């Protein structure tokens, strides 16, 4: 659970070989502002209409923190152990229109192709299933996001069908663990 001071609890911080994964907090507003306004994020994930760092902080406060408080898991910041750089986000999300929680990830382009997203997503998947007892995890991605499709399949999720989320028009590929 996130304490009342809005800072993540150390018990919710995890490590992989090269990364530290910790819950997103208000201090990550500048990073979320940068990541969510990158052209690839907008193209493949969507425009979250974050026009200022304050918008990003509000997004963290209203979207990420409540899920941690309710479920104990959510969106984690990826930080490199070597260099202490914020490089992306990875998490398991309750998403309107999906019955099963879904795993999602986003990375600054300069860190793509190095295995960080897979390393982080594999850890978050195991946290969800082993620590929180999730029986199934889903994933969604756009039809033209081939690198995400490969990563989702490498995580052991299988394509099931096409879905369109409420309020959206784009048909997405929907995957599930077996």
N, C-alpha and C. Protein backbone atom coordinates (compact mmCIF):
# COMPACT_ATOMS: atom_id res chain seq x y z
N UNK A 1 0.83 -1.18 0.00
CA UNK A 1 0.00 0.00 0.00
C UNK A 1 0.88 1.25 0.00
N UNK A 2 0.38 2.30 -0.60
CA UNK A 2 1.12 3.56 -0.64
C UNK A 2 0.75 4.37 0.60
N UNK A 3 1.76 4.76 1.36
CA UNK A 3 1.49 5.55 2.56
C UNK A 3 0.83 6.88 2.21
N UNK A 4 0.27 7.54 3.20
CA UNK A 4 -0.45 8.79 2.98
C UNK A 4 0.43 9.93 2.46
N UNK A 5 1.74 9.80 2.60
CA UNK A 5 2.61 10.87 2.09
C UNK A 5 2.85 10.75 0.58
N UNK A 6 2.12 9.81 -0.08
CA UNK A 6 2.18 9.63 -1.52
C UNK A 6 3.52 9.12 -2.03
N UNK A 7 4.31 8.57 -1.17
CA UNK A 7 5.56 7.97 -1.62
C UNK A 7 5.41 6.46 -1.59
N UNK A 8 6.03 5.76 -2.55
CA UNK A 8 5.88 4.32 -2.59
C UNK A 8 6.50 3.66 -1.36
N UNK A 9 5.94 2.54 -1.00
CA UNK A 9 6.44 1.73 0.10
C UNK A 9 7.59 0.88 -0.42
N UNK A 10 8.68 0.81 0.31
CA UNK A 10 9.84 0.03 -0.13
C UNK A 10 9.48 -1.44 -0.36
N UNK A 11 8.45 -1.94 0.32
CA UNK A 11 8.05 -3.34 0.13
C UNK A 11 7.50 -3.58 -1.27
N UNK A 12 7.12 -2.53 -1.97
CA UNK A 12 6.59 -2.66 -3.33
C UNK A 12 7.67 -2.46 -4.38
N UNK A 13 8.94 -2.41 -3.97
CA UNK A 13 10.05 -2.22 -4.89
C UNK A 13 10.68 -3.57 -5.17
N UNK A 14 10.96 -3.81 -6.46
CA UNK A 14 11.51 -5.10 -6.88
C UNK A 14 12.76 -4.87 -7.71
N UNK A 15 13.58 -5.92 -7.81
CA UNK A 15 14.79 -5.84 -8.61
C UNK A 15 14.84 -6.96 -9.63
N UNK A 16 15.46 -6.66 -10.78
CA UNK A 16 15.81 -7.67 -11.76
C UNK A 16 17.32 -7.60 -11.88
N UNK A 17 17.86 -8.30 -12.83
CA UNK A 17 19.31 -8.29 -13.00
C UNK A 17 19.86 -6.88 -13.22
N UNK A 18 19.16 -6.09 -14.05
CA UNK A 18 19.68 -4.77 -14.41
C UNK A 18 18.80 -3.60 -13.99
N UNK A 19 17.63 -3.89 -13.39
CA UNK A 19 16.66 -2.83 -13.13
C UNK A 19 16.15 -2.84 -11.70
N UNK A 20 15.72 -1.66 -11.27
CA UNK A 20 14.92 -1.51 -10.06
C UNK A 20 13.53 -1.11 -10.54
N UNK A 21 12.51 -1.78 -10.03
CA UNK A 21 11.12 -1.47 -10.36
C UNK A 21 10.46 -0.97 -9.10
N UNK A 22 9.98 0.27 -9.14
CA UNK A 22 9.30 0.82 -7.96
C UNK A 22 8.02 1.50 -8.41
N UNK A 23 7.04 1.55 -7.52
CA UNK A 23 5.77 2.19 -7.91
C UNK A 23 5.98 3.64 -8.36
N UNK A 24 5.25 4.02 -9.40
CA UNK A 24 5.28 5.42 -9.84
C UNK A 24 4.83 6.31 -8.69
N UNK A 25 5.48 7.44 -8.55
CA UNK A 25 5.10 8.41 -7.52
C UNK A 25 5.07 9.81 -8.13
N UNK A 26 4.60 10.77 -7.36
CA UNK A 26 4.48 12.14 -7.87
C UNK A 26 5.82 12.69 -8.34
N UNK A 27 6.91 12.23 -7.75
CA UNK A 27 8.23 12.72 -8.17
C UNK A 27 8.59 12.29 -9.59
N UNK A 28 7.79 11.42 -10.18
CA UNK A 28 8.05 10.94 -11.54
C UNK A 28 7.25 11.72 -12.59
N UNK A 29 6.62 12.81 -12.18
CA UNK A 29 5.81 13.59 -13.11
C UNK A 29 6.57 14.06 -14.32
N UNK A 30 7.80 14.55 -14.13
CA UNK A 30 8.58 15.03 -15.28
C UNK A 30 8.89 13.89 -16.24
N UNK A 31 9.19 12.72 -15.70
CA UNK A 31 9.49 11.57 -16.56
C UNK A 31 8.25 11.12 -17.33
N UNK A 32 7.12 11.00 -16.64
CA UNK A 32 5.87 10.59 -17.30
C UNK A 32 5.49 11.61 -18.38
N UNK A 33 5.66 12.88 -18.08
CA UNK A 33 5.39 13.92 -19.07
C UNK A 33 6.22 13.68 -20.33
N UNK A 34 7.52 13.41 -20.15
CA UNK A 34 8.40 13.17 -21.31
C UNK A 34 8.01 11.89 -22.04
N UNK A 35 7.88 10.79 -21.32
CA UNK A 35 7.58 9.49 -21.94
C UNK A 35 6.25 9.51 -22.68
N UNK A 36 5.22 10.03 -22.05
CA UNK A 36 3.87 9.97 -22.63
C UNK A 36 3.68 10.94 -23.78
N UNK A 37 4.63 11.84 -23.99
CA UNK A 37 4.56 12.76 -25.12
C UNK A 37 5.51 12.39 -26.25
N UNK A 38 6.19 11.26 -26.12
CA UNK A 38 7.04 10.79 -27.20
C UNK A 38 6.16 10.33 -28.37
N UNK A 39 6.59 10.58 -29.61
CA UNK A 39 5.78 10.19 -30.78
C UNK A 39 5.40 8.70 -30.80
N UNK A 40 6.33 7.82 -30.43
CA UNK A 40 6.01 6.38 -30.45
C UNK A 40 4.97 6.02 -29.38
N UNK A 41 5.03 6.67 -28.22
CA UNK A 41 4.02 6.41 -27.18
C UNK A 41 2.65 6.81 -27.70
N UNK A 42 2.57 8.01 -28.27
CA UNK A 42 1.29 8.50 -28.78
C UNK A 42 0.79 7.61 -29.92
N UNK A 43 1.70 7.17 -30.79
CA UNK A 43 1.32 6.33 -31.92
C UNK A 43 0.80 4.97 -31.46
N UNK A 44 1.52 4.31 -30.56
CA UNK A 44 1.20 2.93 -30.22
C UNK A 44 0.32 2.77 -28.98
N UNK A 45 0.36 3.72 -28.07
CA UNK A 45 -0.40 3.59 -26.83
C UNK A 45 -1.54 4.60 -26.77
N UNK A 46 -1.26 5.80 -27.19
CA UNK A 46 -2.32 6.81 -27.25
C UNK A 46 -1.92 8.11 -26.61
N UNK A 47 -2.61 9.16 -26.99
CA UNK A 47 -2.36 10.50 -26.46
C UNK A 47 -3.13 10.65 -25.15
N UNK A 48 -2.40 10.83 -24.06
CA UNK A 48 -3.03 11.00 -22.75
C UNK A 48 -3.29 12.48 -22.45
N UNK A 49 -2.98 13.36 -23.40
CA UNK A 49 -3.26 14.79 -23.31
C UNK A 49 -2.60 15.42 -22.08
N UNK A 50 -1.35 15.03 -21.83
CA UNK A 50 -0.57 15.61 -20.73
C UNK A 50 0.23 16.77 -21.31
N UNK A 51 -0.23 17.99 -21.05
CA UNK A 51 0.39 19.17 -21.65
C UNK A 51 1.42 19.83 -20.74
N UNK A 52 1.41 19.47 -19.45
CA UNK A 52 2.36 20.04 -18.49
C UNK A 52 2.81 18.94 -17.52
N UNK A 53 3.88 19.21 -16.81
CA UNK A 53 4.33 18.27 -15.77
C UNK A 53 3.24 18.13 -14.71
N UNK A 54 2.54 19.20 -14.42
CA UNK A 54 1.44 19.15 -13.46
C UNK A 54 0.35 18.18 -13.93
N UNK A 55 0.05 18.19 -15.24
CA UNK A 55 -0.91 17.22 -15.80
C UNK A 55 -0.42 15.80 -15.54
N UNK A 56 0.88 15.57 -15.73
CA UNK A 56 1.45 14.24 -15.52
C UNK A 56 1.36 13.84 -14.05
N UNK A 57 1.62 14.77 -13.15
CA UNK A 57 1.51 14.48 -11.72
C UNK A 57 0.07 14.13 -11.35
N UNK A 58 -0.88 14.87 -11.92
CA UNK A 58 -2.30 14.57 -11.68
C UNK A 58 -2.66 13.19 -12.23
N UNK A 59 -2.10 12.83 -13.36
CA UNK A 59 -2.35 11.52 -13.96
C UNK A 59 -1.85 10.41 -13.03
N UNK A 60 -0.66 10.60 -12.49
CA UNK A 60 -0.10 9.63 -11.52
C UNK A 60 -1.01 9.56 -10.30
N UNK A 61 -1.38 10.72 -9.77
CA UNK A 61 -2.22 10.79 -8.56
C UNK A 61 -3.58 10.12 -8.77
N UNK A 62 -4.18 10.34 -9.93
CA UNK A 62 -5.56 9.90 -10.15
C UNK A 62 -5.68 8.55 -10.85
N UNK A 63 -4.64 8.12 -11.55
CA UNK A 63 -4.74 6.87 -12.31
C UNK A 63 -3.89 5.76 -11.70
N UNK A 64 -2.65 6.07 -11.33
CA UNK A 64 -1.74 5.02 -10.87
C UNK A 64 -1.90 4.73 -9.38
N UNK A 65 -1.90 5.77 -8.56
CA UNK A 65 -1.91 5.58 -7.11
C UNK A 65 -3.17 4.87 -6.59
N UNK A 66 -4.35 5.21 -7.09
CA UNK A 66 -5.55 4.51 -6.58
C UNK A 66 -5.50 3.00 -6.82
N UNK A 67 -4.94 2.57 -7.95
CA UNK A 67 -4.87 1.13 -8.20
C UNK A 67 -3.91 0.46 -7.23
N UNK A 68 -2.78 1.10 -6.93
CA UNK A 68 -1.87 0.53 -5.92
C UNK A 68 -2.57 0.42 -4.58
N UNK A 69 -3.31 1.46 -4.21
CA UNK A 69 -4.01 1.44 -2.93
C UNK A 69 -5.07 0.35 -2.89
N UNK A 70 -5.75 0.13 -4.02
CA UNK A 70 -6.84 -0.84 -4.08
C UNK A 70 -6.33 -2.28 -4.21
N UNK A 71 -5.33 -2.49 -5.09
CA UNK A 71 -4.92 -3.85 -5.44
C UNK A 71 -3.53 -4.23 -4.92
N UNK A 72 -2.68 -3.24 -4.63
CA UNK A 72 -1.33 -3.54 -4.17
C UNK A 72 -0.31 -3.63 -5.29
N UNK A 73 -0.77 -3.55 -6.53
CA UNK A 73 0.13 -3.54 -7.68
C UNK A 73 -0.40 -2.54 -8.70
N UNK A 74 0.45 -2.20 -9.66
CA UNK A 74 0.05 -1.21 -10.65
C UNK A 74 1.17 -0.90 -11.61
N UNK A 75 1.47 0.39 -11.78
CA UNK A 75 2.48 0.84 -12.74
C UNK A 75 3.80 1.12 -12.02
N UNK A 76 4.83 0.44 -12.46
CA UNK A 76 6.16 0.57 -11.87
C UNK A 76 7.09 1.35 -12.80
N UNK A 77 7.92 2.17 -12.19
CA UNK A 77 8.97 2.88 -12.91
C UNK A 77 10.15 1.94 -13.09
N UNK A 78 10.72 1.90 -14.29
CA UNK A 78 11.94 1.13 -14.55
C UNK A 78 13.13 2.08 -14.39
N UNK A 79 14.05 1.71 -13.50
CA UNK A 79 15.26 2.50 -13.26
C UNK A 79 16.45 1.58 -13.43
N UNK A 80 17.44 2.02 -14.21
CA UNK A 80 18.62 1.17 -14.39
C UNK A 80 19.46 1.16 -13.11
N UNK A 81 19.98 -0.02 -12.77
CA UNK A 81 20.89 -0.11 -11.63
C UNK A 81 22.20 0.58 -11.98
N UNK A 82 22.64 0.40 -13.22
CA UNK A 82 23.88 1.00 -13.70
C UNK A 82 23.55 2.36 -14.29
N UNK A 83 23.64 3.42 -13.50
CA UNK A 83 23.38 4.76 -14.00
C UNK A 83 22.17 5.42 -13.37
N UNK A 84 21.32 4.64 -12.71
CA UNK A 84 20.15 5.19 -12.02
C UNK A 84 19.29 6.06 -12.93
N UNK A 85 19.10 5.59 -14.19
CA UNK A 85 18.30 6.34 -15.16
C UNK A 85 16.87 5.81 -15.20
N UNK A 86 15.92 6.73 -15.27
CA UNK A 86 14.52 6.36 -15.48
C UNK A 86 14.35 6.07 -16.97
N UNK A 87 13.92 4.84 -17.29
CA UNK A 87 13.89 4.46 -18.71
C UNK A 87 12.51 4.06 -19.22
N UNK A 88 11.55 3.78 -18.32
CA UNK A 88 10.24 3.38 -18.79
C UNK A 88 9.31 3.01 -17.67
N UNK A 89 8.15 2.51 -18.07
CA UNK A 89 7.15 2.05 -17.12
C UNK A 89 6.68 0.66 -17.50
N UNK A 90 6.29 -0.11 -16.49
CA UNK A 90 5.76 -1.45 -16.71
C UNK A 90 4.76 -1.72 -15.60
N UNK A 91 3.68 -2.38 -15.93
CA UNK A 91 2.71 -2.63 -14.87
C UNK A 91 1.61 -3.57 -15.27
N UNK A 92 0.78 -3.86 -14.29
CA UNK A 92 -0.44 -4.64 -14.50
C UNK A 92 -1.59 -3.72 -14.15
N UNK A 93 -2.53 -3.61 -15.08
CA UNK A 93 -3.57 -2.59 -14.99
C UNK A 93 -4.97 -3.19 -15.06
N UNK A 94 -5.87 -2.63 -14.26
CA UNK A 94 -7.29 -2.85 -14.45
C UNK A 94 -7.69 -1.87 -15.55
N UNK A 95 -8.28 -2.40 -16.61
CA UNK A 95 -8.61 -1.54 -17.74
C UNK A 95 -10.08 -1.73 -18.11
N UNK A 96 -10.78 -0.62 -18.24
CA UNK A 96 -12.18 -0.68 -18.64
C UNK A 96 -12.30 -1.40 -19.98
N UNK A 97 -13.21 -2.35 -20.05
CA UNK A 97 -13.42 -3.09 -21.28
C UNK A 97 -12.71 -4.43 -21.31
N UNK A 98 -11.83 -4.68 -20.33
CA UNK A 98 -11.14 -5.97 -20.24
C UNK A 98 -11.53 -6.65 -18.94
N UNK A 99 -11.86 -7.92 -19.01
CA UNK A 99 -12.23 -8.66 -17.80
C UNK A 99 -11.01 -9.09 -17.00
N UNK A 100 -9.90 -9.29 -17.68
CA UNK A 100 -8.67 -9.76 -17.04
C UNK A 100 -7.66 -8.61 -17.03
N UNK A 101 -6.96 -8.42 -15.90
CA UNK A 101 -5.96 -7.35 -15.83
C UNK A 101 -4.93 -7.53 -16.94
N UNK A 102 -4.42 -6.40 -17.43
CA UNK A 102 -3.45 -6.53 -18.52
C UNK A 102 -2.11 -5.96 -18.16
N UNK A 103 -1.09 -6.55 -18.78
CA UNK A 103 0.28 -6.11 -18.56
C UNK A 103 0.62 -5.12 -19.66
N UNK A 104 1.29 -4.06 -19.27
CA UNK A 104 1.66 -3.05 -20.25
C UNK A 104 3.05 -2.53 -19.96
N UNK A 105 3.68 -1.97 -20.97
CA UNK A 105 5.04 -1.48 -20.84
C UNK A 105 5.27 -0.37 -21.85
N UNK A 106 6.13 0.56 -21.49
CA UNK A 106 6.55 1.63 -22.40
C UNK A 106 7.96 2.03 -22.02
N UNK A 107 8.74 2.35 -23.03
CA UNK A 107 10.17 2.59 -22.84
C UNK A 107 10.60 3.79 -23.68
N UNK A 108 11.52 4.58 -23.16
CA UNK A 108 12.13 5.61 -23.99
C UNK A 108 12.85 4.91 -25.15
N UNK A 109 12.73 5.46 -26.35
CA UNK A 109 13.28 4.81 -27.55
C UNK A 109 14.76 4.46 -27.42
N UNK A 110 15.52 5.32 -26.73
CA UNK A 110 16.96 5.09 -26.66
C UNK A 110 17.32 3.85 -25.83
N UNK A 111 16.35 3.27 -25.14
CA UNK A 111 16.60 2.06 -24.35
C UNK A 111 15.93 0.82 -24.95
N UNK A 112 15.28 0.99 -26.11
CA UNK A 112 14.65 -0.16 -26.76
C UNK A 112 15.70 -1.08 -27.35
N UNK A 113 15.32 -2.35 -27.53
CA UNK A 113 16.20 -3.31 -28.18
C UNK A 113 17.31 -3.85 -27.29
N UNK A 114 17.25 -3.57 -25.99
CA UNK A 114 18.29 -4.02 -25.07
C UNK A 114 17.76 -5.07 -24.08
N UNK A 115 16.50 -5.45 -24.23
CA UNK A 115 15.91 -6.47 -23.37
C UNK A 115 15.34 -5.95 -22.06
N UNK A 116 15.37 -4.64 -21.84
CA UNK A 116 14.86 -4.08 -20.58
C UNK A 116 13.36 -4.31 -20.41
N UNK A 117 12.58 -4.08 -21.47
CA UNK A 117 11.13 -4.22 -21.36
C UNK A 117 10.76 -5.66 -21.04
N UNK A 118 11.43 -6.62 -21.68
CA UNK A 118 11.14 -8.03 -21.40
C UNK A 118 11.53 -8.37 -19.96
N UNK A 119 12.71 -7.94 -19.55
CA UNK A 119 13.18 -8.20 -18.19
C UNK A 119 12.20 -7.67 -17.15
N UNK A 120 11.73 -6.45 -17.36
CA UNK A 120 10.80 -5.82 -16.41
C UNK A 120 9.42 -6.49 -16.48
N UNK A 121 8.93 -6.75 -17.68
CA UNK A 121 7.60 -7.34 -17.83
C UNK A 121 7.57 -8.76 -17.27
N UNK A 122 8.63 -9.51 -17.46
CA UNK A 122 8.71 -10.87 -16.91
C UNK A 122 8.62 -10.82 -15.39
N UNK A 123 9.30 -9.85 -14.77
CA UNK A 123 9.27 -9.71 -13.32
C UNK A 123 7.88 -9.31 -12.84
N UNK A 124 7.27 -8.35 -13.50
CA UNK A 124 5.94 -7.88 -13.10
C UNK A 124 4.91 -9.00 -13.29
N UNK A 125 5.04 -9.76 -14.36
CA UNK A 125 4.14 -10.90 -14.57
C UNK A 125 4.27 -11.89 -13.41
N UNK A 126 5.49 -12.19 -12.99
CA UNK A 126 5.68 -13.14 -11.89
C UNK A 126 5.18 -12.56 -10.57
N UNK A 127 5.33 -11.25 -10.36
CA UNK A 127 4.79 -10.60 -9.16
C UNK A 127 3.27 -10.78 -9.14
N UNK A 128 2.63 -10.49 -10.25
CA UNK A 128 1.18 -10.60 -10.34
C UNK A 128 0.69 -12.01 -10.07
N UNK A 129 1.35 -12.97 -10.68
CA UNK A 129 0.88 -14.35 -10.57
C UNK A 129 1.33 -15.00 -9.25
N UNK A 130 2.56 -14.79 -8.86
CA UNK A 130 3.10 -15.47 -7.67
C UNK A 130 2.74 -14.74 -6.38
N UNK A 131 2.89 -13.42 -6.36
CA UNK A 131 2.66 -12.65 -5.13
C UNK A 131 1.19 -12.29 -4.93
N UNK A 132 0.47 -12.07 -6.02
CA UNK A 132 -0.92 -11.61 -5.91
C UNK A 132 -1.93 -12.65 -6.37
N UNK A 133 -1.45 -13.82 -6.77
CA UNK A 133 -2.34 -14.93 -7.09
C UNK A 133 -3.20 -14.75 -8.33
N UNK A 134 -2.76 -13.90 -9.25
CA UNK A 134 -3.52 -13.74 -10.49
C UNK A 134 -3.46 -15.04 -11.28
N UNK A 135 -4.59 -15.49 -11.77
CA UNK A 135 -4.65 -16.75 -12.54
C UNK A 135 -4.34 -16.50 -14.01
N UNK A 136 -4.74 -15.34 -14.49
CA UNK A 136 -4.52 -14.99 -15.90
C UNK A 136 -4.12 -13.53 -16.00
N UNK A 137 -3.35 -13.24 -17.02
CA UNK A 137 -2.97 -11.87 -17.35
C UNK A 137 -3.19 -11.72 -18.85
N UNK A 138 -3.69 -10.55 -19.23
CA UNK A 138 -3.89 -10.27 -20.65
C UNK A 138 -2.92 -9.18 -21.09
N UNK A 139 -2.92 -8.93 -22.39
CA UNK A 139 -2.15 -7.82 -22.95
C UNK A 139 -2.86 -7.37 -24.21
N UNK A 140 -2.77 -6.09 -24.49
CA UNK A 140 -3.33 -5.54 -25.72
C UNK A 140 -2.25 -4.73 -26.42
N UNK A 141 -2.31 -4.72 -27.75
CA UNK A 141 -1.38 -3.91 -28.52
C UNK A 141 -1.98 -3.62 -29.88
N UNK A 142 -1.47 -2.57 -30.51
CA UNK A 142 -1.96 -2.22 -31.83
C UNK A 142 -1.42 -3.22 -32.86
N UNK A 143 -2.13 -3.32 -33.97
CA UNK A 143 -1.79 -4.31 -35.00
C UNK A 143 -0.44 -4.05 -35.64
N UNK A 144 0.01 -2.79 -35.61
CA UNK A 144 1.29 -2.47 -36.26
C UNK A 144 2.45 -2.35 -35.28
N UNK A 145 2.23 -2.68 -34.01
CA UNK A 145 3.31 -2.60 -33.02
C UNK A 145 3.96 -3.98 -32.88
N UNK A 146 4.79 -4.31 -33.87
CA UNK A 146 5.35 -5.66 -33.97
C UNK A 146 6.32 -5.98 -32.83
N UNK A 147 7.06 -4.99 -32.35
CA UNK A 147 8.00 -5.27 -31.25
C UNK A 147 7.23 -5.63 -29.97
N UNK A 148 6.11 -4.96 -29.71
CA UNK A 148 5.30 -5.31 -28.54
C UNK A 148 4.66 -6.69 -28.71
N UNK A 149 4.20 -6.98 -29.91
CA UNK A 149 3.62 -8.31 -30.15
C UNK A 149 4.64 -9.40 -29.84
N UNK A 150 5.88 -9.21 -30.31
CA UNK A 150 6.93 -10.20 -30.04
C UNK A 150 7.19 -10.35 -28.54
N UNK A 151 7.27 -9.23 -27.84
CA UNK A 151 7.53 -9.27 -26.40
C UNK A 151 6.39 -9.97 -25.66
N UNK A 152 5.15 -9.65 -26.02
CA UNK A 152 3.98 -10.27 -25.38
C UNK A 152 4.02 -11.78 -25.58
N UNK A 153 4.33 -12.21 -26.79
CA UNK A 153 4.41 -13.65 -27.07
C UNK A 153 5.57 -14.30 -26.33
N UNK A 154 6.68 -13.58 -26.22
CA UNK A 154 7.83 -14.10 -25.46
C UNK A 154 7.49 -14.27 -23.98
N UNK A 155 6.57 -13.45 -23.48
CA UNK A 155 6.11 -13.58 -22.09
C UNK A 155 5.18 -14.78 -21.89
N UNK A 156 4.81 -15.45 -22.98
CA UNK A 156 3.97 -16.63 -22.89
C UNK A 156 2.49 -16.36 -23.07
N UNK A 157 2.14 -15.17 -23.53
CA UNK A 157 0.73 -14.87 -23.80
C UNK A 157 0.43 -15.23 -25.25
N UNK A 158 -0.79 -15.68 -25.50
CA UNK A 158 -1.20 -16.12 -26.83
C UNK A 158 -2.30 -15.21 -27.35
N UNK A 159 -2.22 -14.91 -28.67
CA UNK A 159 -3.25 -14.09 -29.30
C UNK A 159 -4.58 -14.82 -29.21
N UNK A 160 -5.64 -14.08 -28.83
CA UNK A 160 -6.98 -14.65 -28.69
C UNK A 160 -7.98 -14.07 -29.69
N UNK A 161 -7.98 -12.71 -29.81
CA UNK A 161 -9.01 -12.05 -30.61
C UNK A 161 -8.66 -10.59 -30.77
N UNK A 162 -9.49 -9.87 -31.52
CA UNK A 162 -9.38 -8.42 -31.64
C UNK A 162 -10.42 -7.79 -30.73
N UNK A 163 -10.05 -6.69 -30.07
CA UNK A 163 -10.97 -5.98 -29.18
C UNK A 163 -10.90 -4.48 -29.45
N UNK A 164 -11.97 -3.80 -29.12
CA UNK A 164 -11.99 -2.34 -29.14
C UNK A 164 -12.44 -1.89 -27.76
N UNK A 165 -11.61 -1.09 -27.10
CA UNK A 165 -11.91 -0.64 -25.74
C UNK A 165 -13.00 0.44 -25.77
N UNK A 166 -13.75 0.56 -24.67
CA UNK A 166 -14.81 1.58 -24.61
C UNK A 166 -14.28 2.98 -24.91
N UNK A 167 -14.99 3.71 -25.75
CA UNK A 167 -14.60 5.07 -26.08
C UNK A 167 -13.49 5.17 -27.11
N UNK A 168 -13.02 4.03 -27.63
CA UNK A 168 -11.95 4.01 -28.62
C UNK A 168 -12.49 3.53 -29.95
N UNK A 169 -11.73 3.76 -31.01
CA UNK A 169 -12.13 3.27 -32.32
C UNK A 169 -11.16 2.22 -32.86
N UNK A 170 -9.91 2.24 -32.39
CA UNK A 170 -8.91 1.31 -32.90
C UNK A 170 -9.14 -0.11 -32.40
N UNK A 171 -9.10 -1.04 -33.34
CA UNK A 171 -9.19 -2.46 -32.98
C UNK A 171 -7.79 -2.92 -32.56
N UNK A 172 -7.71 -3.51 -31.38
CA UNK A 172 -6.43 -3.95 -30.80
C UNK A 172 -6.33 -5.45 -30.79
N UNK A 173 -5.11 -5.95 -30.78
CA UNK A 173 -4.87 -7.38 -30.61
C UNK A 173 -4.91 -7.69 -29.13
N UNK A 174 -5.63 -8.77 -28.77
CA UNK A 174 -5.81 -9.16 -27.37
C UNK A 174 -5.15 -10.52 -27.14
N UNK A 175 -4.29 -10.56 -26.12
CA UNK A 175 -3.54 -11.78 -25.77
C UNK A 175 -3.90 -12.17 -24.34
N UNK A 176 -3.70 -13.45 -24.02
CA UNK A 176 -3.94 -13.96 -22.66
C UNK A 176 -2.94 -15.06 -22.34
N UNK A 177 -2.65 -15.19 -21.03
CA UNK A 177 -1.89 -16.35 -20.59
C UNK A 177 -2.80 -17.56 -20.70
N UNK A 178 -2.21 -18.73 -20.84
CA UNK A 178 -3.03 -19.94 -20.97
C UNK A 178 -3.18 -20.64 -19.64
